[in-house]
Amino acid sequence: LHLVESGGGLVQPGGSLRLSCAASGRTFSYYTMAWFRQAPGKEREFVAGITWTSSTDYADSAKGRFTISRDNAKKTVSLQMNSLQPEDTAAYYCAANYMGRATPSRNAYDYWGQGTQVTVSS
């Protein structure tokens, strides 16, 4: 499974961005997908996940602001991010595991994209 993220950029505090992850190579619909992020000097952390059955889970920092969704026909997973704050600045990564849970554990994911940078600054 090959993953390519897009949609990152510079946004002012309080603004919104929509990240997308395009998958290719295998049967996308059986993969649980997740978004992680990594700020400079920090560990890569779970942001949101959506299982292959479309159950969702969010980190506390994302609840109420971010929404993860998937389109199996287009083989994409998206992350709508609203009310962005400077602490959301990070490289955002798409990840996948086969028919697994939307777990926050990085080790559970077998495939990763290259990341897209999100910078929240005035």
C-alpha atoms as a PDB file:
ATOM      1  CA  LEU A   1       0.000   0.000   0.000  1.00  0.00           C
ATOM      2  CA  HIS A   2       1.456   3.327  -1.086  1.00  0.00           C
ATOM      3  CA  LEU A   3       0.248   6.462   0.722  1.00  0.00           C
ATOM      4  CA  VAL A   4       0.618  10.084  -0.382  1.00  0.00           C
ATOM      5  CA  GLU A   5      -0.512  12.993   1.763  1.00  0.00           C
ATOM      6  CA  SER A   6      -1.508  16.433   0.527  1.00  0.00           C
ATOM      7  CA  GLY A   7      -3.220  19.566   1.752  1.00  0.00           C
ATOM      8  CA  GLY A   8      -0.754  20.915   4.267  1.00  0.00           C
ATOM      9  CA  GLY A   9       0.277  24.544   4.395  1.00  0.00           C
ATOM     10  CA  LEU A  10       0.397  27.743   6.405  1.00  0.00           C
ATOM     11  CA  VAL A  11      -2.782  28.854   8.180  1.00  0.00           C
ATOM     12  CA  GLN A  12      -3.581  31.486  10.751  1.00  0.00           C
ATOM     13  CA  PRO A  13      -4.771  30.538  14.245  1.00  0.00           C
ATOM     14  CA  GLY A  14      -8.458  29.750  14.171  1.00  0.00           C
ATOM     15  CA  GLY A  15      -8.292  28.704  10.547  1.00  0.00           C
ATOM     16  CA  SER A  16      -9.004  25.388   8.839  1.00  0.00           C
ATOM     17  CA  LEU A  17      -7.213  22.910   6.625  1.00  0.00           C
ATOM     18  CA  ARG A  18      -8.227  19.675   4.993  1.00  0.00           C
ATOM     19  CA  LEU A  19      -5.586  16.999   4.608  1.00  0.00           C
ATOM     20  CA  SER A  20      -5.970  14.134   2.183  1.00  0.00           C
ATOM     21  CA  CYS A  21      -4.205  10.823   1.857  1.00  0.00           C
ATOM     22  CA  ALA A  22      -4.391   8.928  -1.409  1.00  0.00           C
ATOM     23  CA  ALA A  23      -3.733   5.192  -1.359  1.00  0.00           C
ATOM     24  CA  SER A  24      -2.801   2.864  -4.150  1.00  0.00           C
ATOM     25  CA  GLY A  25      -1.715  -0.692  -4.626  1.00  0.00           C
ATOM     26  CA  ARG A  26      -4.088  -2.865  -2.637  1.00  0.00           C
ATOM     27  CA  THR A  27      -7.677  -3.231  -1.470  1.00  0.00           C
ATOM     28  CA  PHE A  28      -8.053   0.050   0.365  1.00  0.00           C
ATOM     29  CA  SER A  29     -11.438  -0.745   1.891  1.00  0.00           C
ATOM     30  CA  TYR A  30      -9.951  -3.398   4.194  1.00  0.00           C
ATOM     31  CA  TYR A  31      -7.405  -1.035   5.698  1.00  0.00           C
ATOM     32  CA  THR A  32      -7.779   0.909   8.894  1.00  0.00           C
ATOM     33  CA  MET A  33      -6.401   4.379   8.333  1.00  0.00           C
ATOM     34  CA  ALA A  34      -5.014   6.923  10.750  1.00  0.00           C
ATOM     35  CA  TRP A  35      -3.406  10.314  10.953  1.00  0.00           C
ATOM     36  CA  PHE A  36      -0.402  10.954  13.155  1.00  0.00           C
ATOM     37  CA  ARG A  37       1.609  14.107  13.634  1.00  0.00           C
ATOM     38  CA  GLN A  38       5.112  14.937  14.725  1.00  0.00           C
ATOM     39  CA  ALA A  39       6.291  18.318  15.913  1.00  0.00           C
ATOM     40  CA  PRO A  40      10.019  19.150  16.025  1.00  0.00           C
ATOM     41  CA  GLY A  41      11.678  17.472  18.983  1.00  0.00           C
ATOM     42  CA  LYS A  42       8.572  15.485  19.899  1.00  0.00           C
ATOM     43  CA  GLU A  43       7.348  11.940  19.469  1.00  0.00           C
ATOM     44  CA  ARG A  44       5.011  11.088  16.633  1.00  0.00           C
ATOM     45  CA  GLU A  45       1.510  11.058  18.092  1.00  0.00           C
ATOM     46  CA  PHE A  46      -1.872   9.717  17.093  1.00  0.00           C
ATOM     47  CA  VAL A  47      -4.408  12.273  15.921  1.00  0.00           C
ATOM     48  CA  ALA A  48      -7.350  10.315  14.522  1.00  0.00           C
ATOM     49  CA  GLY A  49      -8.203   6.945  13.053  1.00  0.00           C
ATOM     50  CA  ILE A  50     -10.970   5.320  11.044  1.00  0.00           C
ATOM     51  CA  THR A  51     -11.318   1.577  10.865  1.00  0.00           C
ATOM     52  CA  TRP A  52     -12.069  -0.477   7.792  1.00  0.00           C
ATOM     53  CA  THR A  53     -15.658  -0.637   9.176  1.00  0.00           C
ATOM     54  CA  SER A  54     -15.675   3.178   9.492  1.00  0.00           C
ATOM     55  CA  SER A  55     -15.518   3.442  13.278  1.00  0.00           C
ATOM     56  CA  THR A  56     -13.582   6.511  14.330  1.00  0.00           C
ATOM     57  CA  ASP A  57     -11.350   7.460  17.230  1.00  0.00           C
ATOM     58  CA  TYR A  58      -9.656  10.726  18.121  1.00  0.00           C
ATOM     59  CA  ALA A  59      -6.927  11.971  20.372  1.00  0.00           C
ATOM     60  CA  ASP A  60      -8.235  14.268  23.077  1.00  0.00           C
ATOM     61  CA  SER A  61      -6.475  17.173  21.378  1.00  0.00           C
ATOM     62  CA  ALA A  62      -8.466  16.533  18.197  1.00  0.00           C
ATOM     63  CA  LYS A  63     -11.927  15.869  19.580  1.00  0.00           C
ATOM     64  CA  GLY A  64     -14.447  18.501  18.562  1.00  0.00           C
ATOM     65  CA  ARG A  65     -12.055  20.159  16.098  1.00  0.00           C
ATOM     66  CA  PHE A  66     -10.901  17.471  13.677  1.00  0.00           C
ATOM     67  CA  THR A  67     -12.945  15.028  11.604  1.00  0.00           C
ATOM     68  CA  ILE A  68     -11.573  11.970   9.851  1.00  0.00           C
ATOM     69  CA  SER A  69     -13.414  10.422   6.930  1.00  0.00           C
ATOM     70  CA  ARG A  70     -12.772   7.959   4.135  1.00  0.00           C
ATOM     71  CA  ASP A  71     -13.919   7.384   0.584  1.00  0.00           C
ATOM     72  CA  ASN A  72     -13.289   3.793  -0.393  1.00  0.00           C
ATOM     73  CA  ALA A  73     -14.234   4.354  -4.006  1.00  0.00           C
ATOM     74  CA  LYS A  74     -11.583   7.047  -4.349  1.00  0.00           C
ATOM     75  CA  LYS A  75      -9.148   5.271  -1.988  1.00  0.00           C
ATOM     76  CA  THR A  76      -8.695   8.372   0.108  1.00  0.00           C
ATOM     77  CA  VAL A  77      -8.826   9.330   3.755  1.00  0.00           C
ATOM     78  CA  SER A  78      -9.231  12.934   4.814  1.00  0.00           C
ATOM     79  CA  LEU A  79      -8.703  14.952   7.952  1.00  0.00           C
ATOM     80  CA  GLN A  80     -10.734  18.126   8.283  1.00  0.00           C
ATOM     81  CA  MET A  81      -9.048  20.364  10.818  1.00  0.00           C
ATOM     82  CA  ASN A  82     -10.872  23.363  12.254  1.00  0.00           C
ATOM     83  CA  SER A  83      -9.988  25.916  14.920  1.00  0.00           C
ATOM     84  CA  LEU A  84      -6.306  25.309  14.357  1.00  0.00           C
ATOM     85  CA  GLN A  85      -3.862  26.540  16.949  1.00  0.00           C
ATOM     86  CA  PRO A  86      -0.080  27.015  16.923  1.00  0.00           C
ATOM     87  CA  GLU A  87       0.303  23.799  18.924  1.00  0.00           C
ATOM     88  CA  ASP A  88      -1.160  21.920  15.948  1.00  0.00           C
ATOM     89  CA  THR A  89       1.949  22.790  13.946  1.00  0.00           C
ATOM     90  CA  ALA A  90       3.578  19.544  12.883  1.00  0.00           C
ATOM     91  CA  ALA A  91       4.244  17.197  10.031  1.00  0.00           C
ATOM     92  CA  TYR A  92       1.118  15.101   9.534  1.00  0.00           C
ATOM     93  CA  TYR A  93       1.401  11.488   8.437  1.00  0.00           C
ATOM     94  CA  CYS A  94      -1.099   9.043   7.042  1.00  0.00           C
ATOM     95  CA  ALA A  95      -0.798   5.428   8.191  1.00  0.00           C
ATOM     96  CA  ALA A  96      -2.543   2.134   7.483  1.00  0.00           C
ATOM     97  CA  ASN A  97      -2.987  -1.314   8.956  1.00  0.00           C
ATOM     98  CA  TYR A  98      -4.881  -4.257   7.541  1.00  0.00           C
ATOM     99  CA  MET A  99      -8.264  -4.846   9.184  1.00  0.00           C
ATOM    100  CA  GLY A 100      -6.968  -3.621  12.530  1.00  0.00           C
ATOM    101  CA  ARG A 101      -8.127  -1.238  15.213  1.00  0.00           C
ATOM    102  CA  ALA A 102      -7.653   2.503  15.014  1.00  0.00           C
ATOM    103  CA  THR A 103      -5.087   2.243  17.755  1.00  0.00           C
ATOM    104  CA  PRO A 104      -2.839   5.112  18.881  1.00  0.00           C
ATOM    105  CA  SER A 105       0.136   2.750  18.796  1.00  0.00           C
ATOM    106  CA  ARG A 106       2.511   3.578  15.959  1.00  0.00           C
ATOM    107  CA  ASN A 107       3.760   0.005  15.888  1.00  0.00           C
ATOM    108  CA  ALA A 108       0.347  -1.239  14.782  1.00  0.00           C
ATOM    109  CA  TYR A 109       0.634   0.463  11.399  1.00  0.00           C
ATOM    110  CA  ASP A 110       2.458  -1.171   8.535  1.00  0.00           C
ATOM    111  CA  TYR A 111       2.335   1.562   5.923  1.00  0.00           C
ATOM    112  CA  TRP A 112       3.191   5.235   6.179  1.00  0.00           C
ATOM    113  CA  GLY A 113       3.169   8.220   3.902  1.00  0.00           C
ATOM    114  CA  GLN A 114       5.934  10.796   3.627  1.00  0.00           C
ATOM    115  CA  GLY A 115       4.026  13.472   5.506  1.00  0.00           C
ATOM    116  CA  THR A 116       2.668  16.937   4.843  1.00  0.00           C
ATOM    117  CA  GLN A 117       3.617  20.009   6.854  1.00  0.00           C
ATOM    118  CA  VAL A 118       1.000  22.033   8.706  1.00  0.00           C
ATOM    119  CA  THR A 119       2.087  25.369  10.163  1.00  0.00           C
ATOM    120  CA  VAL A 120      -0.280  27.460  12.244  1.00  0.00           C
ATOM    121  CA  SER A 121       1.031  30.959  12.698  1.00  0.00           C
ATOM    122  CA  SER A 122      -0.040  34.561  12.428  1.00  0.00           C
END
